[in-house]
């Protein structure tokens, strides 16, 4: 009997819509909408209750440093500027650590560039191992063998597409790493100059012939003169 009852088509009950007189209020609120709205309302109510309770039991003698380290701007607490909370010696030490990290990244990128360049160079100059050469006699076979060892044999044109795509991607990666090294070298130069300017002593602008390689240890003329005067 249950199977016959399920076989009979029944009327599809649709959700009640908003009456015409209340169309201006939007869609008719269903029970699930009411549940979500009630949960949000009670959550806000509980938050306000906890804040009122916390304010009621507040210790009037309580003190913490943010009371004097912050200021209120449009009802929002903002911390005071902490730009001068480090001593010059601490700033110089942090600058040295940053410079060492940049130099390490430059050297790492250069090693990767050398490895990638060597791999691409070997791929470009490697003869195809699947190509078959035919010789008429023994002398011609020896000549072909010597040419294959020296790497002067013509490369084949039937390179698979996936190999071409990987090679092109490797060349793009190589170009991106070279650009990254150039940017890191510029950053290293600027940071090294700022570090030297923070040190004590008279300073002057370097000439073109005194500018050293950015990835090597920077040597500044005024520092060398100061060491000479000390000796």
C-alpha atoms as a PDB file:
ATOM      1  CA  UNK A   1       0.000   0.000   0.000  1.00  0.00           C
ATOM      2  CA  UNK A   2       2.823   2.376   0.738  1.00  0.00           C
ATOM      3  CA  UNK A   3       4.188   1.956  -2.770  1.00  0.00           C
ATOM      4  CA  UNK A   4       0.784   2.816  -4.275  1.00  0.00           C
ATOM      5  CA  UNK A   5       0.507   5.848  -2.023  1.00  0.00           C
ATOM      6  CA  UNK A   6       3.862   7.129  -3.240  1.00  0.00           C
ATOM      7  CA  UNK A   7       2.927   6.504  -6.860  1.00  0.00           C
ATOM      8  CA  UNK A   8      -0.020   8.907  -6.715  1.00  0.00           C
ATOM      9  CA  UNK A   9       0.966  12.470  -7.664  1.00  0.00           C
ATOM     10  CA  UNK A  10       0.383  14.983  -4.923  1.00  0.00           C
ATOM     11  CA  UNK A  11       0.063  18.715  -4.936  1.00  0.00           C
ATOM     12  CA  UNK A  12       3.343  20.580  -4.543  1.00  0.00           C
ATOM     13  CA  UNK A  13       3.078  22.862  -1.507  1.00  0.00           C
ATOM     14  CA  UNK A  14       4.842  26.144  -2.176  1.00  0.00           C
ATOM     15  CA  UNK A  15       6.107  28.554   0.444  1.00  0.00           C
ATOM     16  CA  UNK A  16       3.780  31.333   1.379  1.00  0.00           C
ATOM     17  CA  UNK A  17       4.661  34.593  -0.344  1.00  0.00           C
ATOM     18  CA  UNK A  18       4.514  38.131   1.013  1.00  0.00           C
ATOM     19  CA  UNK A  19       0.969  39.583   0.794  1.00  0.00           C
ATOM     20  CA  UNK A  20       0.382  42.334  -1.713  1.00  0.00           C
ATOM     21  CA  UNK A  21      -0.163  44.882   1.054  1.00  0.00           C
ATOM     22  CA  UNK A  22       3.321  44.141   2.501  1.00  0.00           C
ATOM     23  CA  UNK A  23       5.329  43.982  -0.734  1.00  0.00           C
ATOM     24  CA  UNK A  24       7.240  47.082   0.333  1.00  0.00           C
ATOM     25  CA  UNK A  25       8.867  45.105   3.197  1.00  0.00           C
ATOM     26  CA  UNK A  26      10.552  42.678   0.803  1.00  0.00           C
ATOM     27  CA  UNK A  27      10.446  38.896   0.938  1.00  0.00           C
ATOM     28  CA  UNK A  28       8.434  37.176   3.636  1.00  0.00           C
ATOM     29  CA  UNK A  29      10.645  36.042   6.492  1.00  0.00           C
ATOM     30  CA  UNK A  30      10.757  32.270   6.881  1.00  0.00           C
ATOM     31  CA  UNK A  31      11.517  30.335  10.039  1.00  0.00           C
ATOM     32  CA  UNK A  32      15.158  29.731   9.138  1.00  0.00           C
ATOM     33  CA  UNK A  33      15.610  33.466   8.567  1.00  0.00           C
ATOM     34  CA  UNK A  34      14.078  34.169  11.966  1.00  0.00           C
ATOM     35  CA  UNK A  35      16.437  31.666  13.623  1.00  0.00           C
ATOM     36  CA  UNK A  36      19.542  33.349  12.143  1.00  0.00           C
ATOM     37  CA  UNK A  37      18.276  36.804  13.103  1.00  0.00           C
ATOM     38  CA  UNK A  38      17.511  35.654  16.639  1.00  0.00           C
ATOM     39  CA  UNK A  39      20.969  34.078  17.049  1.00  0.00           C
ATOM     40  CA  UNK A  40      22.661  37.292  15.893  1.00  0.00           C
ATOM     41  CA  UNK A  41      20.506  39.373  18.240  1.00  0.00           C
ATOM     42  CA  UNK A  42      21.242  37.199  21.274  1.00  0.00           C
ATOM     43  CA  UNK A  43      24.955  37.137  20.467  1.00  0.00           C
ATOM     44  CA  UNK A  44      25.097  40.941  20.466  1.00  0.00           C
ATOM     45  CA  UNK A  45      23.015  41.009  23.631  1.00  0.00           C
ATOM     46  CA  UNK A  46      25.430  38.630  25.374  1.00  0.00           C
ATOM     47  CA  UNK A  47      28.420  40.716  24.280  1.00  0.00           C
ATOM     48  CA  UNK A  48      26.874  43.862  25.739  1.00  0.00           C
ATOM     49  CA  UNK A  49      26.089  42.029  28.968  1.00  0.00           C
ATOM     50  CA  UNK A  50      29.698  40.861  29.381  1.00  0.00           C
ATOM     51  CA  UNK A  51      31.043  44.351  28.691  1.00  0.00           C
ATOM     52  CA  UNK A  52      28.679  45.895  31.253  1.00  0.00           C
ATOM     53  CA  UNK A  53      29.692  43.279  33.803  1.00  0.00           C
ATOM     54  CA  UNK A  54      33.365  43.896  33.112  1.00  0.00           C
ATOM     55  CA  UNK A  55      32.897  47.630  33.508  1.00  0.00           C
ATOM     56  CA  UNK A  56      30.956  47.165  36.755  1.00  0.00           C
ATOM     57  CA  UNK A  57      33.702  45.053  38.360  1.00  0.00           C
ATOM     58  CA  UNK A  58      36.568  47.189  37.031  1.00  0.00           C
ATOM     59  CA  UNK A  59      39.339  48.005  39.483  1.00  0.00           C
ATOM     60  CA  UNK A  60      39.648  51.818  39.749  1.00  0.00           C
ATOM     61  CA  UNK A  61      43.359  51.472  40.675  1.00  0.00           C
ATOM     62  CA  UNK A  62      44.178  49.329  37.629  1.00  0.00           C
ATOM     63  CA  UNK A  63      46.994  50.648  35.431  1.00  0.00           C
ATOM     64  CA  UNK A  64      48.739  49.465  32.320  1.00  0.00           C
ATOM     65  CA  UNK A  65      51.146  51.288  30.024  1.00  0.00           C
ATOM     66  CA  UNK A  66      48.741  51.577  27.103  1.00  0.00           C
ATOM     67  CA  UNK A  67      46.827  54.091  29.197  1.00  0.00           C
ATOM     68  CA  UNK A  68      49.624  56.585  28.621  1.00  0.00           C
ATOM     69  CA  UNK A  69      51.000  55.220  25.332  1.00  0.00           C
ATOM     70  CA  UNK A  70      47.793  55.618  23.324  1.00  0.00           C
ATOM     71  CA  UNK A  71      45.571  58.458  22.262  1.00  0.00           C
ATOM     72  CA  UNK A  72      41.963  58.507  21.113  1.00  0.00           C
ATOM     73  CA  UNK A  73      41.262  59.679  17.564  1.00  0.00           C
ATOM     74  CA  UNK A  74      37.585  59.725  16.567  1.00  0.00           C
ATOM     75  CA  UNK A  75      36.793  57.246  19.317  1.00  0.00           C
ATOM     76  CA  UNK A  76      39.558  54.811  18.249  1.00  0.00           C
ATOM     77  CA  UNK A  77      42.657  54.128  20.370  1.00  0.00           C
ATOM     78  CA  UNK A  78      45.899  54.534  18.447  1.00  0.00           C
ATOM     79  CA  UNK A  79      49.375  53.709  19.677  1.00  0.00           C
ATOM     80  CA  UNK A  80      52.027  56.378  19.744  1.00  0.00           C
ATOM     81  CA  UNK A  81      54.815  56.221  17.209  1.00  0.00           C
ATOM     82  CA  UNK A  82      57.534  53.747  18.200  1.00  0.00           C
ATOM     83  CA  UNK A  83      60.077  54.875  15.633  1.00  0.00           C
ATOM     84  CA  UNK A  84      62.670  55.925  18.256  1.00  0.00           C
ATOM     85  CA  UNK A  85      62.368  52.989  20.634  1.00  0.00           C
ATOM     86  CA  UNK A  86      65.697  51.491  19.415  1.00  0.00           C
ATOM     87  CA  UNK A  87      69.136  52.889  20.128  1.00  0.00           C
ATOM     88  CA  UNK A  88      71.514  53.753  17.239  1.00  0.00           C
ATOM     89  CA  UNK A  89      73.603  50.681  18.080  1.00  0.00           C
ATOM     90  CA  UNK A  90      70.558  48.411  17.871  1.00  0.00           C
ATOM     91  CA  UNK A  91      69.499  49.964  14.574  1.00  0.00           C
ATOM     92  CA  UNK A  92      73.002  49.451  13.170  1.00  0.00           C
ATOM     93  CA  UNK A  93      72.968  45.786  14.259  1.00  0.00           C
ATOM     94  CA  UNK A  94      69.578  45.190  12.620  1.00  0.00           C
ATOM     95  CA  UNK A  95      70.819  46.890   9.448  1.00  0.00           C
ATOM     96  CA  UNK A  96      73.854  44.584   9.416  1.00  0.00           C
ATOM     97  CA  UNK A  97      71.644  41.505   9.769  1.00  0.00           C
ATOM     98  CA  UNK A  98      69.388  42.687   6.933  1.00  0.00           C
ATOM     99  CA  UNK A  99      72.399  43.291   4.676  1.00  0.00           C
ATOM    100  CA  UNK A 100      73.716  39.797   5.427  1.00  0.00           C
ATOM    101  CA  UNK A 101      70.366  38.271   4.502  1.00  0.00           C
ATOM    102  CA  UNK A 102      70.227  40.191   1.197  1.00  0.00           C
ATOM    103  CA  UNK A 103      73.795  39.139   0.365  1.00  0.00           C
ATOM    104  CA  UNK A 104      72.921  35.509   1.099  1.00  0.00           C
ATOM    105  CA  UNK A 105      69.915  35.694  -1.238  1.00  0.00           C
ATOM    106  CA  UNK A 106      72.050  37.241  -4.002  1.00  0.00           C
ATOM    107  CA  UNK A 107      74.627  34.468  -3.750  1.00  0.00           C
ATOM    108  CA  UNK A 108      71.899  31.810  -3.701  1.00  0.00           C
ATOM    109  CA  UNK A 109      70.232  33.259  -6.800  1.00  0.00           C
ATOM    110  CA  UNK A 110      73.563  33.431  -8.635  1.00  0.00           C
ATOM    111  CA  UNK A 111      74.255  29.761  -7.900  1.00  0.00           C
ATOM    112  CA  UNK A 112      70.831  28.839  -9.239  1.00  0.00           C
ATOM    113  CA  UNK A 113      71.463  30.932 -12.356  1.00  0.00           C
ATOM    114  CA  UNK A 114      74.792  29.211 -12.974  1.00  0.00           C
ATOM    115  CA  UNK A 115      73.233  25.769 -12.564  1.00  0.00           C
ATOM    116  CA  UNK A 116      70.286  26.613 -14.820  1.00  0.00           C
ATOM    117  CA  UNK A 117      72.571  28.182 -17.446  1.00  0.00           C
ATOM    118  CA  UNK A 118      74.801  25.103 -17.515  1.00  0.00           C
ATOM    119  CA  UNK A 119      71.757  22.834 -17.899  1.00  0.00           C
ATOM    120  CA  UNK A 120      70.316  24.861 -20.775  1.00  0.00           C
ATOM    121  CA  UNK A 121      73.734  25.087 -22.450  1.00  0.00           C
ATOM    122  CA  UNK A 122      74.129  21.312 -22.327  1.00  0.00           C
ATOM    123  CA  UNK A 123      70.609  20.836 -23.706  1.00  0.00           C
ATOM    124  CA  UNK A 124      71.224  23.232 -26.593  1.00  0.00           C
ATOM    125  CA  UNK A 125      74.548  21.624 -27.566  1.00  0.00           C
ATOM    126  CA  UNK A 126      73.641  17.975 -26.958  1.00  0.00           C
ATOM    127  CA  UNK A 127      73.198  15.948 -30.179  1.00  0.00           C
ATOM    128  CA  UNK A 128      70.152  13.750 -30.525  1.00  0.00           C
ATOM    129  CA  UNK A 129      70.776  10.189 -29.351  1.00  0.00           C
ATOM    130  CA  UNK A 130      67.896   8.825 -31.422  1.00  0.00           C
ATOM    131  CA  UNK A 131      69.186   9.961 -34.813  1.00  0.00           C
ATOM    132  CA  UNK A 132      70.662   7.209 -37.004  1.00  0.00           C
ATOM    133  CA  UNK A 133      73.479   8.028 -39.454  1.00  0.00           C
ATOM    134  CA  UNK A 134      74.410   5.798 -42.380  1.00  0.00           C
ATOM    135  CA  UNK A 135      77.933   5.594 -43.811  1.00  0.00           C
ATOM    136  CA  UNK A 136      79.104   4.218 -47.125  1.00  0.00           C
ATOM    137  CA  UNK A 137      82.413   2.896 -45.861  1.00  0.00           C
ATOM    138  CA  UNK A 138      84.611   2.630 -42.791  1.00  0.00           C
ATOM    139  CA  UNK A 139      86.317   5.999 -43.341  1.00  0.00           C
ATOM    140  CA  UNK A 140      83.001   7.861 -43.436  1.00  0.00           C
ATOM    141  CA  UNK A 141      81.850   6.008 -40.292  1.00  0.00           C
ATOM    142  CA  UNK A 142      84.985   7.144 -38.441  1.00  0.00           C
ATOM    143  CA  UNK A 143      84.383  10.729 -39.578  1.00  0.00           C
ATOM    144  CA  UNK A 144      80.754  10.669 -38.374  1.00  0.00           C
ATOM    145  CA  UNK A 145      81.843   9.155 -35.061  1.00  0.00           C
ATOM    146  CA  UNK A 146      84.471  11.861 -34.488  1.00  0.00           C
ATOM    147  CA  UNK A 147      81.995  14.625 -35.402  1.00  0.00           C
ATOM    148  CA  UNK A 148      79.429  13.218 -32.974  1.00  0.00           C
ATOM    149  CA  UNK A 149      81.995  13.217 -30.163  1.00  0.00           C
ATOM    150  CA  UNK A 150      83.020  16.829 -30.863  1.00  0.00           C
ATOM    151  CA  UNK A 151      79.372  17.955 -30.880  1.00  0.00           C
ATOM    152  CA  UNK A 152      79.366  19.345 -34.416  1.00  0.00           C
ATOM    153  CA  UNK A 153      76.613  17.110 -35.773  1.00  0.00           C
ATOM    154  CA  UNK A 154      73.471  18.924 -36.900  1.00  0.00           C
ATOM    155  CA  UNK A 155      70.635  18.809 -34.380  1.00  0.00           C
ATOM    156  CA  UNK A 156      67.433  17.129 -35.360  1.00  0.00           C
ATOM    157  CA  UNK A 157      64.272  19.144 -35.888  1.00  0.00           C
ATOM    158  CA  UNK A 158      61.783  16.631 -34.478  1.00  0.00           C
ATOM    159  CA  UNK A 159      61.958  17.786 -30.830  1.00  0.00           C
ATOM    160  CA  UNK A 160      58.836  16.869 -28.807  1.00  0.00           C
ATOM    161  CA  UNK A 161      56.497  19.710 -27.899  1.00  0.00           C
ATOM    162  CA  UNK A 162      56.691  19.095 -24.145  1.00  0.00           C
ATOM    163  CA  UNK A 163      60.490  19.407 -24.296  1.00  0.00           C
ATOM    164  CA  UNK A 164      60.150  22.713 -26.151  1.00  0.00           C
ATOM    165  CA  UNK A 165      57.680  24.007 -23.554  1.00  0.00           C
ATOM    166  CA  UNK A 166      59.950  23.002 -20.670  1.00  0.00           C
ATOM    167  CA  UNK A 167      62.945  24.642 -22.344  1.00  0.00           C
ATOM    168  CA  UNK A 168      61.006  27.871 -22.915  1.00  0.00           C
ATOM    169  CA  UNK A 169      59.847  27.848 -19.282  1.00  0.00           C
ATOM    170  CA  UNK A 170      63.451  27.367 -18.142  1.00  0.00           C
ATOM    171  CA  UNK A 171      64.576  30.349 -20.215  1.00  0.00           C
ATOM    172  CA  UNK A 172      61.784  32.472 -18.687  1.00  0.00           C
ATOM    173  CA  UNK A 173      62.837  31.357 -15.214  1.00  0.00           C
ATOM    174  CA  UNK A 174      66.444  32.235 -16.001  1.00  0.00           C
ATOM    175  CA  UNK A 175      65.460  35.746 -17.120  1.00  0.00           C
ATOM    176  CA  UNK A 176      63.311  36.246 -14.008  1.00  0.00           C
ATOM    177  CA  UNK A 177      66.156  35.163 -11.709  1.00  0.00           C
ATOM    178  CA  UNK A 178      68.569  37.534 -13.447  1.00  0.00           C
ATOM    179  CA  UNK A 179      66.134  40.416 -12.930  1.00  0.00           C
ATOM    180  CA  UNK A 180      65.766  39.397  -9.285  1.00  0.00           C
ATOM    181  CA  UNK A 181      69.544  39.440  -8.807  1.00  0.00           C
ATOM    182  CA  UNK A 182      69.734  42.945 -10.288  1.00  0.00           C
ATOM    183  CA  UNK A 183      67.012  44.180  -7.926  1.00  0.00           C
ATOM    184  CA  UNK A 184      68.669  42.542  -4.908  1.00  0.00           C
ATOM    185  CA  UNK A 185      72.010  44.109  -5.811  1.00  0.00           C
ATOM    186  CA  UNK A 186      70.393  47.552  -5.938  1.00  0.00           C
ATOM    187  CA  UNK A 187      68.787  46.945  -2.539  1.00  0.00           C
ATOM    188  CA  UNK A 188      72.129  45.742  -1.156  1.00  0.00           C
ATOM    189  CA  UNK A 189      73.875  48.887  -2.397  1.00  0.00           C
ATOM    190  CA  UNK A 190      71.280  51.196  -0.865  1.00  0.00           C
ATOM    191  CA  UNK A 191      71.285  49.362   2.478  1.00  0.00           C
ATOM    192  CA  UNK A 192      75.092  49.319   2.634  1.00  0.00           C
ATOM    193  CA  UNK A 193      75.178  53.063   1.954  1.00  0.00           C
ATOM    194  CA  UNK A 194      72.592  53.757   4.660  1.00  0.00           C
ATOM    195  CA  UNK A 195      74.547  51.619   7.108  1.00  0.00           C
ATOM    196  CA  UNK A 196      77.755  53.507   6.435  1.00  0.00           C
ATOM    197  CA  UNK A 197      75.977  56.846   6.787  1.00  0.00           C
ATOM    198  CA  UNK A 198      74.786  55.846  10.262  1.00  0.00           C
ATOM    199  CA  UNK A 199      78.370  55.389  11.460  1.00  0.00           C
ATOM    200  CA  UNK A 200      80.414  58.137  13.005  1.00  0.00           C
ATOM    201  CA  UNK A 201      82.977  60.084  11.030  1.00  0.00           C
ATOM    202  CA  UNK A 202      83.154  62.543   8.164  1.00  0.00           C
ATOM    203  CA  UNK A 203      81.575  61.351   4.939  1.00  0.00           C
ATOM    204  CA  UNK A 204      81.786  62.360   1.311  1.00  0.00           C
ATOM    205  CA  UNK A 205      80.279  61.217  -1.951  1.00  0.00           C
ATOM    206  CA  UNK A 206      82.154  58.457  -3.785  1.00  0.00           C
ATOM    207  CA  UNK A 207      83.512  58.923  -7.282  1.00  0.00           C
ATOM    208  CA  UNK A 208      82.710  56.558 -10.136  1.00  0.00           C
ATOM    209  CA  UNK A 209      86.051  54.757  -9.863  1.00  0.00           C
ATOM    210  CA  UNK A 210      85.517  54.172  -6.116  1.00  0.00           C
ATOM    211  CA  UNK A 211      82.207  52.344  -6.476  1.00  0.00           C
ATOM    212  CA  UNK A 212      82.776  48.620  -5.983  1.00  0.00           C
ATOM    213  CA  UNK A 213      80.711  45.608  -6.948  1.00  0.00           C
ATOM    214  CA  UNK A 214      77.483  45.647  -4.950  1.00  0.00           C
ATOM    215  CA  UNK A 215      77.676  41.983  -4.001  1.00  0.00           C
ATOM    216  CA  UNK A 216      81.180  42.286  -2.585  1.00  0.00           C
ATOM    217  CA  UNK A 217      82.066  43.858   0.734  1.00  0.00           C
ATOM    218  CA  UNK A 218      81.600  47.622   0.366  1.00  0.00           C
ATOM    219  CA  UNK A 219      84.695  49.743   0.882  1.00  0.00           C
ATOM    220  CA  UNK A 220      84.130  53.435   1.417  1.00  0.00           C
ATOM    221  CA  UNK A 221      86.855  56.020   0.914  1.00  0.00           C
ATOM    222  CA  UNK A 222      86.154  58.045   4.027  1.00  0.00           C
ATOM    223  CA  UNK A 223      86.415  54.907   6.159  1.00  0.00           C
ATOM    224  CA  UNK A 224      89.818  54.021   4.670  1.00  0.00           C
ATOM    225  CA  UNK A 225      91.073  57.549   5.339  1.00  0.00           C
ATOM    226  CA  UNK A 226      89.886  57.368   8.933  1.00  0.00           C
ATOM    227  CA  UNK A 227      91.739  54.059   9.451  1.00  0.00           C
ATOM    228  CA  UNK A 228      94.894  55.602   7.941  1.00  0.00           C
ATOM    229  CA  UNK A 229      94.710  58.578  10.302  1.00  0.00           C
ATOM    230  CA  UNK A 230      94.302  56.276  13.297  1.00  0.00           C
ATOM    231  CA  UNK A 231      97.442  54.351  12.361  1.00  0.00           C
END
